[in-house]
Protein backbone atom coordinates (compact mmCIF):
# COMPACT_ATOMS: atom_id res chain seq x y z
CA UNK A 1 102.49 53.80 200.84
CA UNK A 2 99.26 52.84 202.60
CA UNK A 3 100.27 50.27 205.25
CA UNK A 4 97.52 51.43 207.63
CA UNK A 5 94.63 51.66 205.18
CA UNK A 6 93.03 48.38 206.26
CA UNK A 7 94.02 48.37 209.92
CA UNK A 8 90.90 50.17 211.17
CA UNK A 9 88.32 48.05 209.42
CA UNK A 10 87.16 45.50 211.96
CA UNK A 11 83.95 45.98 213.94
CA UNK A 12 83.49 44.02 217.16
CA UNK A 13 80.49 42.79 219.13
CA UNK A 14 79.81 43.34 222.80
CA UNK A 15 77.11 41.08 224.24
CA UNK A 16 75.02 42.97 226.80
CA UNK A 17 74.43 41.01 229.97
CA UNK A 18 70.84 40.03 229.37
CA UNK A 19 69.03 38.09 226.66
CA UNK A 20 67.41 39.84 223.71
CA UNK A 21 69.60 42.94 223.65
CA UNK A 22 72.64 42.67 221.43
CA UNK A 23 74.43 45.24 219.33
CA UNK A 24 77.42 45.51 217.06
CA UNK A 25 80.27 47.26 218.78
CA UNK A 26 80.52 48.92 222.18
CA UNK A 27 77.42 50.91 223.06
CA UNK A 28 78.03 54.41 224.35
CA UNK A 29 75.81 57.27 225.41
CA UNK A 30 73.51 59.45 223.41
CA UNK A 31 75.15 61.39 220.58
CA UNK A 32 75.53 65.14 220.51
CA UNK A 33 73.35 67.44 218.42
CA UNK A 34 74.24 67.86 214.76
CA UNK A 35 75.98 71.06 213.73
CA UNK A 36 74.08 73.42 211.49
CA UNK A 37 75.25 72.99 207.91
CA UNK A 38 77.59 75.66 206.58
CA UNK A 39 76.64 77.15 203.22
CA UNK A 40 78.78 76.04 200.28
CA UNK A 41 81.41 78.42 198.98
CA UNK A 42 80.03 80.90 196.46
CA UNK A 43 82.86 79.97 194.11
CA UNK A 44 82.06 76.28 194.25
CA UNK A 45 80.82 74.83 190.97
CA UNK A 46 77.37 73.24 190.83
CA UNK A 47 78.89 69.79 190.33
CA UNK A 48 81.54 70.17 193.04
CA UNK A 49 81.25 69.75 196.81
CA UNK A 50 84.27 70.40 199.01
CA UNK A 51 85.26 67.68 201.48
CA UNK A 52 83.43 68.16 204.79
CA UNK A 53 81.58 66.37 207.56
CA UNK A 54 78.41 64.46 206.61
CA UNK A 55 75.11 65.53 208.16
CA UNK A 56 72.63 62.96 206.88
CA UNK A 57 72.28 60.09 204.43
CA UNK A 58 69.49 58.15 202.82
CA UNK A 59 69.25 54.83 200.98
CA UNK A 60 65.85 54.90 199.26
CA UNK A 61 65.75 51.20 198.33
CA UNK A 62 65.57 50.10 201.97
CA UNK A 63 63.93 53.18 203.48
CA UNK A 64 66.99 54.06 205.53
CA UNK A 65 67.51 57.64 206.68
CA UNK A 66 70.35 58.38 209.07
CA UNK A 67 71.79 61.40 210.82
CA UNK A 68 75.50 61.46 211.65
CA UNK A 69 77.30 61.79 214.94
CA UNK A 70 78.99 65.15 215.34
CA UNK A 71 82.43 63.60 215.81
CA UNK A 72 84.36 60.84 214.07
CA UNK A 73 83.61 57.22 214.90
CA UNK A 74 85.39 56.13 218.04
CA UNK A 75 88.30 53.77 217.50
CA UNK A 76 89.40 51.65 220.44
CA UNK A 77 90.75 48.17 221.01
CA UNK A 78 91.30 47.85 217.25
CA UNK A 79 87.67 48.49 216.38
CA UNK A 80 85.50 51.19 214.85
CA UNK A 81 82.76 51.84 217.40
CA UNK A 82 79.83 54.20 216.72
CA UNK A 83 78.81 55.98 219.93
CA UNK A 84 75.07 55.49 219.54
CA UNK A 85 72.59 53.02 218.11
CA UNK A 86 70.59 55.79 216.47
CA UNK A 87 73.20 57.60 214.33
CA UNK A 88 75.84 56.68 211.77
CA UNK A 89 79.40 57.94 212.01
CA UNK A 90 82.27 58.61 209.61
CA UNK A 91 85.79 57.41 210.39
CA UNK A 92 88.90 59.45 209.69
CA UNK A 93 92.13 59.86 211.64
CA UNK A 94 95.51 61.53 211.26
CA UNK A 95 97.20 58.15 210.76
CA UNK A 96 94.66 56.81 208.24
CA UNK A 97 94.11 57.74 204.58
CA UNK A 98 90.30 57.73 204.86
CA UNK A 99 88.49 60.90 203.77
CA UNK A 100 85.41 62.87 204.62
CA UNK A 101 82.88 62.90 201.74
CA UNK A 102 83.15 65.34 198.87
CA UNK A 103 83.65 65.31 195.12
CA UNK A 104 87.40 65.70 195.61
CA UNK A 105 87.76 63.07 198.36
CA UNK A 106 91.24 61.62 197.96
CA UNK A 107 90.45 58.12 199.22
CA UNK A 108 87.75 55.88 200.70
CA UNK A 109 84.98 57.38 202.84
CA UNK A 110 84.24 54.99 205.74
CA UNK A 111 80.73 55.11 207.22
CA UNK A 112 79.82 52.81 210.12
CA UNK A 113 76.63 52.13 212.04
CA UNK A 114 75.30 49.61 214.50
CA UNK A 115 72.98 46.72 213.75
CA UNK A 116 71.36 45.19 216.81
CA UNK A 117 69.15 42.40 218.09
CA UNK A 118 66.38 43.17 220.57
CA UNK A 119 66.54 46.95 220.05
CA UNK A 120 66.43 49.12 216.91
CA UNK A 121 69.72 50.30 215.40
CA UNK A 122 70.45 52.65 212.53
CA UNK A 123 71.86 50.08 210.06
CA UNK A 124 69.44 47.24 210.79
CA UNK A 125 67.93 47.69 207.33
CA UNK A 126 71.16 46.95 205.47
CA UNK A 127 71.10 43.19 206.01
CA UNK A 128 68.36 40.56 206.46
CA UNK A 129 69.73 38.02 208.97
CA UNK A 130 66.70 35.75 208.73
CA UNK A 131 67.27 35.17 205.02
CA UNK A 132 71.03 35.78 205.15
CA UNK A 133 71.31 38.34 202.38
CA UNK A 134 71.97 42.02 201.74
CA UNK A 135 68.87 44.16 201.29
CA UNK A 136 70.77 46.52 198.98
CA UNK A 137 71.57 45.40 195.41
CA UNK A 138 74.25 46.56 193.00
CA UNK A 139 72.97 49.71 191.29
CA UNK A 140 70.95 50.98 194.26
CA UNK A 141 71.53 54.57 195.32
CA UNK A 142 72.81 56.29 198.45
CA UNK A 143 72.68 60.04 199.03
CA UNK A 144 74.72 62.08 201.53
CA UNK A 145 74.29 65.73 202.51
CA UNK A 146 77.31 67.43 204.05
CA UNK A 147 78.25 70.69 205.72
CA UNK A 148 79.49 72.03 202.37
CA UNK A 149 76.81 70.64 200.07
CA UNK A 150 74.06 73.00 201.22
CA UNK A 151 70.76 71.69 199.83
CA UNK A 152 72.57 69.42 197.35
CA UNK A 153 73.42 65.76 197.89
CA UNK A 154 76.33 63.56 196.91
CA UNK A 155 74.95 60.59 194.97
CA UNK A 156 76.58 57.15 195.21
CA UNK A 157 75.75 53.84 193.54
CA UNK A 158 76.24 50.40 195.09
CA UNK A 159 78.99 48.50 193.26
CA UNK A 160 79.92 45.53 195.45
CA UNK A 161 78.55 43.55 198.42
CA UNK A 162 80.54 41.59 200.99
CA UNK A 163 79.98 39.41 204.06
CA UNK A 164 83.51 38.92 205.42
CA UNK A 165 84.42 37.22 208.66
CA UNK A 166 85.38 39.94 211.13
CA UNK A 167 88.83 38.46 211.46
CA UNK A 168 89.35 38.76 207.70
CA UNK A 169 87.82 42.17 207.00
CA UNK A 170 90.91 44.25 207.71
CA UNK A 171 93.00 42.19 205.28
CA UNK A 172 90.52 42.26 202.38
CA UNK A 173 92.15 43.98 199.42
CA UNK A 174 88.90 43.40 197.51
CA UNK A 175 87.17 45.79 199.91
CA UNK A 176 89.93 48.24 200.81
CA UNK A 177 92.13 48.18 197.72
CA UNK A 178 95.90 48.55 197.81
CA UNK A 179 96.13 52.28 197.12
CA UNK A 180 93.98 55.42 196.98
CA UNK A 181 90.38 54.88 195.81
CA UNK A 182 88.85 58.35 195.23
CA UNK A 183 85.06 58.38 195.07
CA UNK A 184 84.66 55.07 196.90
CA UNK A 185 82.50 54.85 200.03
CA UNK A 186 82.02 51.89 202.36
CA UNK A 187 79.13 51.26 204.72
CA UNK A 188 80.07 48.88 207.54
CA UNK A 189 77.90 47.11 210.08
CA UNK A 190 77.61 43.76 211.84
CA UNK A 191 75.54 40.80 210.71
CA UNK A 192 73.39 39.76 213.63
CA UNK A 193 72.73 35.98 213.54
CA UNK A 194 69.16 34.71 213.63
CA UNK A 195 69.97 32.86 216.85
CA UNK A 196 69.81 35.55 219.57
CA UNK A 197 72.37 33.72 221.68
CA UNK A 198 74.96 33.28 218.93
CA UNK A 199 77.83 35.76 218.55
CA UNK A 200 78.10 38.04 215.53
CA UNK A 201 81.12 36.86 213.54
CA UNK A 202 80.59 38.62 210.19
CA UNK A 203 80.25 42.13 208.85
CA UNK A 204 77.91 43.42 206.15
CA UNK A 205 79.98 45.67 203.88
CA UNK A 206 78.70 47.58 200.86
CA UNK A 207 80.96 49.41 198.42
CA UNK A 208 79.56 52.53 196.74
CA UNK A 209 80.96 54.77 194.01
CA UNK A 210 80.35 58.50 193.67
CA UNK A 211 78.14 59.37 190.69
CA UNK A 212 77.93 63.13 191.11
CA UNK A 213 75.94 65.86 192.83
CA UNK A 214 72.15 66.11 192.67
CA UNK A 215 69.51 68.50 193.88
CA UNK A 216 67.70 68.07 197.15
CA UNK A 217 64.55 67.53 195.13
CA UNK A 218 66.00 64.51 193.33
CA UNK A 219 67.34 63.01 196.54
CA UNK A 220 64.05 63.52 198.37
CA UNK A 221 62.01 62.16 195.46
CA UNK A 222 64.18 59.07 195.47
CA UNK A 223 63.96 58.87 199.25
């Protein structure tokens, strides 16, 4: 039923033609401005958030705060490719089962962001290449605000950490499952090797599970 669910998973590396500047994926131009959030439906329950585009996210444990690109992640040459170094993106497509975030999301939410060497990138804080380990631990929290959440945030908890070879990521049933996985979110980025001249051959992948909806105050206090 889901033959294409893992086909869009792999992130690639493009080495820029001078030393000290390296990023995960193909680097594009500056992202567009974020849309103003739409107010949630008046009939929407306090613990429900309709599926909609994400606006911003925060991971308090590592001090990460990210805005989202206005459009979906680019997908070209078999790779998810955020347009900018400074914003995250969410990936959905008509031929993929991936969902935008919301309490009734029908399948995995896929969030990607660049990690880079020589320049700052939005997901640099998700992996420590010098010590070769994830900075996030199981049980840590992630919060996402969307167009339909208003001043509320979707709360997720880290459940699993992975460092797959890029060539193996798309085939990992451990990461992607074999059928719908409502409430699951993945953050994807590249692992930049400590050697600035070595290619990036692995991804840092974190699985998160939706825990519910919290107030802006709780999310900000935790952020």
